[in-house]
Every structure is written in C-alpha cells, then in structure tokens.
Amino acid sequence: MSTTTSREIWLASQPRGLLIADNFTLAQLGLEPPPDGQVLVRTLCMSGDPYMHGPMNSGKSYVPPFQLGKPLEGGAVG
C-alpha cells in the first residue's frame, strides 16, 4: 500500500483581532497505512466555531490553548 498524504491546518501566529490567512499554515505529512483492524477516516469538513478564538490566544480560556506550529483541533465530519 502507498503512503497517504495528510493535510493539516496549523496555527502559525496568534491572531490580533480578526483572523487572517497569515495566522494559519498548511502542512502536508505522510501517513502510513493503518494497522489491521483500524481505519483511516478522511475529514471532509472541520468546524470553525467561535470558541476556537480563545485557545488561539495566550489569554485565559476554558479549554487548553492551541500550540503554535501544531494542528488545530475541533469538531469534524469524515
């Protein structure tokens, strides 16, 4: 089986005010095939909920902050 390419949206910088494209970067990574008994799910749509703005900043939030240079986390449909 061939390697699958994963595309991830990473937080590149903390937003100041409205979100802009420069706050994010697209990363492409190779994924090995899943082991026997597991499946790989393709994400079709990721939610960009308002709550996500808090963890993008270093301020106080009720959820852990997103890390710069790491993938965003959120609800998704696969």
N, C-alpha and C. Protein backbone atom coordinates (compact mmCIF):
# COMPACT_ATOMS: atom_id res chain seq x y z
N MET A 1 0.83 -1.19 0.00
CA MET A 1 0.00 0.00 0.00
C MET A 1 0.88 1.25 0.00
N SER A 2 0.43 2.30 -0.63
CA SER A 2 1.22 3.53 -0.69
C SER A 2 0.94 4.43 0.51
N THR A 3 1.83 5.38 0.72
CA THR A 3 1.67 6.34 1.81
C THR A 3 0.60 7.36 1.43
N THR A 4 -0.24 7.72 2.37
CA THR A 4 -1.28 8.72 2.18
C THR A 4 -0.76 10.07 2.64
N THR A 5 -1.11 11.13 1.91
CA THR A 5 -0.72 12.47 2.31
C THR A 5 -1.82 13.09 3.15
N SER A 6 -1.45 13.55 4.33
CA SER A 6 -2.38 14.23 5.23
C SER A 6 -2.15 15.73 5.13
N ARG A 7 -3.20 16.50 5.03
CA ARG A 7 -3.10 17.95 5.05
C ARG A 7 -3.70 18.45 6.35
N GLU A 8 -2.95 19.28 7.05
CA GLU A 8 -3.38 19.80 8.35
C GLU A 8 -3.27 21.31 8.35
N ILE A 9 -4.21 21.95 9.03
CA ILE A 9 -4.16 23.40 9.23
C ILE A 9 -3.51 23.64 10.59
N TRP A 10 -2.38 24.35 10.59
CA TRP A 10 -1.63 24.63 11.81
C TRP A 10 -1.77 26.09 12.17
N LEU A 11 -1.73 26.37 13.46
CA LEU A 11 -1.73 27.75 13.94
C LEU A 11 -0.32 28.31 13.77
N ALA A 12 -0.16 29.33 12.95
CA ALA A 12 1.15 29.91 12.66
C ALA A 12 1.47 31.10 13.57
N SER A 13 0.43 31.84 13.95
CA SER A 13 0.63 33.00 14.83
C SER A 13 -0.66 33.28 15.58
N GLN A 14 -0.54 33.92 16.72
CA GLN A 14 -1.73 34.26 17.49
C GLN A 14 -2.42 35.45 16.84
N PRO A 15 -3.73 35.32 16.62
CA PRO A 15 -4.45 36.41 15.97
C PRO A 15 -4.55 37.64 16.87
N ARG A 16 -4.53 38.79 16.25
CA ARG A 16 -4.78 40.06 16.95
C ARG A 16 -6.01 40.65 16.28
N GLY A 17 -7.14 40.48 16.94
CA GLY A 17 -8.41 40.92 16.33
C GLY A 17 -8.95 39.84 15.41
N LEU A 18 -9.37 40.25 14.21
CA LEU A 18 -9.93 39.30 13.26
C LEU A 18 -8.87 38.32 12.76
N LEU A 19 -9.33 37.10 12.47
CA LEU A 19 -8.42 36.10 11.92
C LEU A 19 -8.04 36.48 10.49
N ILE A 20 -6.77 36.23 10.13
CA ILE A 20 -6.31 36.45 8.77
C ILE A 20 -5.59 35.19 8.30
N ALA A 21 -5.41 35.05 7.02
CA ALA A 21 -4.78 33.85 6.46
C ALA A 21 -3.38 33.63 7.04
N ASP A 22 -2.66 34.70 7.34
CA ASP A 22 -1.30 34.57 7.88
C ASP A 22 -1.26 33.93 9.27
N ASN A 23 -2.41 33.81 9.94
CA ASN A 23 -2.46 33.15 11.24
C ASN A 23 -2.37 31.62 11.11
N PHE A 24 -2.45 31.13 9.89
CA PHE A 24 -2.50 29.68 9.66
C PHE A 24 -1.50 29.26 8.60
N THR A 25 -1.14 28.00 8.63
CA THR A 25 -0.28 27.43 7.60
C THR A 25 -0.80 26.04 7.27
N LEU A 26 -0.59 25.61 6.03
CA LEU A 26 -0.99 24.28 5.60
C LEU A 26 0.22 23.37 5.64
N ALA A 27 0.12 22.29 6.38
CA ALA A 27 1.21 21.31 6.48
C ALA A 27 0.77 20.03 5.78
N GLN A 28 1.69 19.41 5.08
CA GLN A 28 1.41 18.13 4.43
C GLN A 28 2.37 17.08 4.99
N LEU A 29 1.79 15.99 5.47
CA LEU A 29 2.55 14.93 6.12
C LEU A 29 2.21 13.60 5.49
N GLY A 30 3.14 12.69 5.48
CA GLY A 30 2.88 11.33 5.01
C GLY A 30 2.34 10.48 6.14
N LEU A 31 1.31 9.70 5.85
CA LEU A 31 0.73 8.78 6.84
C LEU A 31 0.92 7.35 6.35
N GLU A 32 1.35 6.51 7.23
CA GLU A 32 1.45 5.10 6.91
C GLU A 32 0.04 4.49 6.92
N PRO A 33 -0.18 3.42 6.20
CA PRO A 33 -1.49 2.76 6.25
C PRO A 33 -1.82 2.33 7.68
N PRO A 34 -3.11 2.38 8.05
CA PRO A 34 -3.48 1.97 9.41
C PRO A 34 -3.22 0.48 9.63
N PRO A 35 -2.94 0.10 10.87
CA PRO A 35 -2.74 -1.32 11.18
C PRO A 35 -4.03 -2.11 10.95
N ASP A 36 -3.90 -3.41 10.86
CA ASP A 36 -5.06 -4.28 10.72
C ASP A 36 -6.07 -4.00 11.83
N GLY A 37 -7.34 -3.95 11.47
CA GLY A 37 -8.40 -3.71 12.44
C GLY A 37 -8.70 -2.24 12.66
N GLN A 38 -7.95 -1.33 12.02
CA GLN A 38 -8.20 0.10 12.15
C GLN A 38 -8.50 0.69 10.77
N VAL A 39 -9.14 1.85 10.76
CA VAL A 39 -9.47 2.52 9.51
C VAL A 39 -8.93 3.94 9.54
N LEU A 40 -8.71 4.49 8.36
CA LEU A 40 -8.30 5.88 8.21
C LEU A 40 -9.51 6.65 7.70
N VAL A 41 -9.90 7.69 8.41
CA VAL A 41 -11.08 8.48 8.05
C VAL A 41 -10.63 9.79 7.44
N ARG A 42 -11.19 10.12 6.29
CA ARG A 42 -10.87 11.39 5.63
C ARG A 42 -11.82 12.46 6.14
N THR A 43 -11.26 13.55 6.66
CA THR A 43 -12.07 14.66 7.15
C THR A 43 -12.57 15.46 5.96
N LEU A 44 -13.88 15.65 5.90
CA LEU A 44 -14.49 16.40 4.81
C LEU A 44 -14.71 17.86 5.19
N CYS A 45 -14.97 18.10 6.46
CA CYS A 45 -15.27 19.46 6.91
C CYS A 45 -14.89 19.58 8.37
N MET A 46 -14.19 20.67 8.72
CA MET A 46 -13.85 20.93 10.12
C MET A 46 -14.58 22.19 10.55
N SER A 47 -15.15 22.15 11.73
CA SER A 47 -15.89 23.28 12.26
C SER A 47 -14.92 24.39 12.68
N GLY A 48 -15.27 25.61 12.39
CA GLY A 48 -14.52 26.78 12.84
C GLY A 48 -15.37 27.57 13.81
N ASP A 49 -15.64 26.98 14.96
CA ASP A 49 -16.54 27.57 15.94
C ASP A 49 -15.93 28.80 16.62
N PRO A 50 -16.79 29.72 17.09
CA PRO A 50 -16.29 30.91 17.79
C PRO A 50 -15.44 30.59 19.02
N TYR A 51 -15.71 29.46 19.69
CA TYR A 51 -14.92 29.13 20.89
C TYR A 51 -13.44 28.97 20.55
N MET A 52 -13.10 28.67 19.29
CA MET A 52 -11.72 28.41 18.91
C MET A 52 -10.84 29.65 18.99
N HIS A 53 -11.46 30.82 18.98
CA HIS A 53 -10.67 32.06 19.02
C HIS A 53 -9.94 32.20 20.36
N GLY A 54 -10.58 31.80 21.45
CA GLY A 54 -9.95 31.88 22.77
C GLY A 54 -8.68 31.07 22.87
N PRO A 55 -8.69 29.78 22.50
CA PRO A 55 -7.47 28.98 22.59
C PRO A 55 -6.37 29.39 21.60
N MET A 56 -6.71 30.21 20.60
CA MET A 56 -5.68 30.68 19.67
C MET A 56 -4.83 31.78 20.29
N ASN A 57 -5.34 32.39 21.35
CA ASN A 57 -4.61 33.44 22.05
C ASN A 57 -4.00 32.86 23.32
N SER A 58 -3.07 33.54 23.91
CA SER A 58 -2.43 33.03 25.12
C SER A 58 -3.18 33.42 26.39
N GLY A 59 -4.33 34.08 26.22
CA GLY A 59 -5.10 34.52 27.38
C GLY A 59 -5.87 33.39 28.04
N LYS A 60 -6.61 33.73 29.09
CA LYS A 60 -7.38 32.76 29.86
C LYS A 60 -8.51 32.20 29.00
N SER A 61 -8.70 30.89 29.06
CA SER A 61 -9.75 30.22 28.31
C SER A 61 -10.17 28.97 29.08
N TYR A 62 -11.36 28.48 28.81
CA TYR A 62 -11.85 27.28 29.49
C TYR A 62 -11.36 26.00 28.81
N VAL A 63 -10.62 26.12 27.72
CA VAL A 63 -10.02 24.96 27.05
C VAL A 63 -8.52 25.22 26.90
N PRO A 64 -7.69 24.17 26.82
CA PRO A 64 -6.24 24.38 26.67
C PRO A 64 -5.93 25.16 25.40
N PRO A 65 -4.90 25.99 25.42
CA PRO A 65 -4.56 26.79 24.24
C PRO A 65 -4.00 25.93 23.11
N PHE A 66 -4.25 26.37 21.87
CA PHE A 66 -3.64 25.74 20.72
C PHE A 66 -2.16 26.12 20.72
N GLN A 67 -1.31 25.23 20.28
CA GLN A 67 0.13 25.47 20.24
C GLN A 67 0.53 25.96 18.85
N LEU A 68 1.41 26.96 18.81
CA LEU A 68 1.92 27.42 17.52
C LEU A 68 2.68 26.29 16.84
N GLY A 69 2.48 26.17 15.53
CA GLY A 69 3.17 25.12 14.78
C GLY A 69 2.59 23.74 14.97
N LYS A 70 1.40 23.66 15.52
CA LYS A 70 0.71 22.37 15.74
C LYS A 70 -0.66 22.44 15.08
N PRO A 71 -1.24 21.27 14.75
CA PRO A 71 -2.56 21.26 14.12
C PRO A 71 -3.65 21.81 15.03
N LEU A 72 -4.65 22.44 14.42
CA LEU A 72 -5.83 22.89 15.16
C LEU A 72 -6.67 21.66 15.50
N GLU A 73 -7.44 21.78 16.55
CA GLU A 73 -8.35 20.71 16.96
C GLU A 73 -9.75 21.24 16.95
N GLY A 74 -10.69 20.43 16.53
CA GLY A 74 -12.09 20.85 16.52
C GLY A 74 -12.97 19.73 16.03
N GLY A 75 -14.26 19.99 16.05
CA GLY A 75 -15.22 19.01 15.53
C GLY A 75 -15.04 18.84 14.03
N ALA A 76 -15.21 17.63 13.56
CA ALA A 76 -15.01 17.36 12.13
C ALA A 76 -16.02 16.33 11.65
N VAL A 77 -16.25 16.33 10.34
CA VAL A 77 -17.10 15.34 9.69
C VAL A 77 -16.21 14.56 8.74
N GLY A 78 -16.26 13.23 8.84
CA GLY A 78 -15.40 12.39 8.00
C GLY A 78 -16.19 11.36 7.25
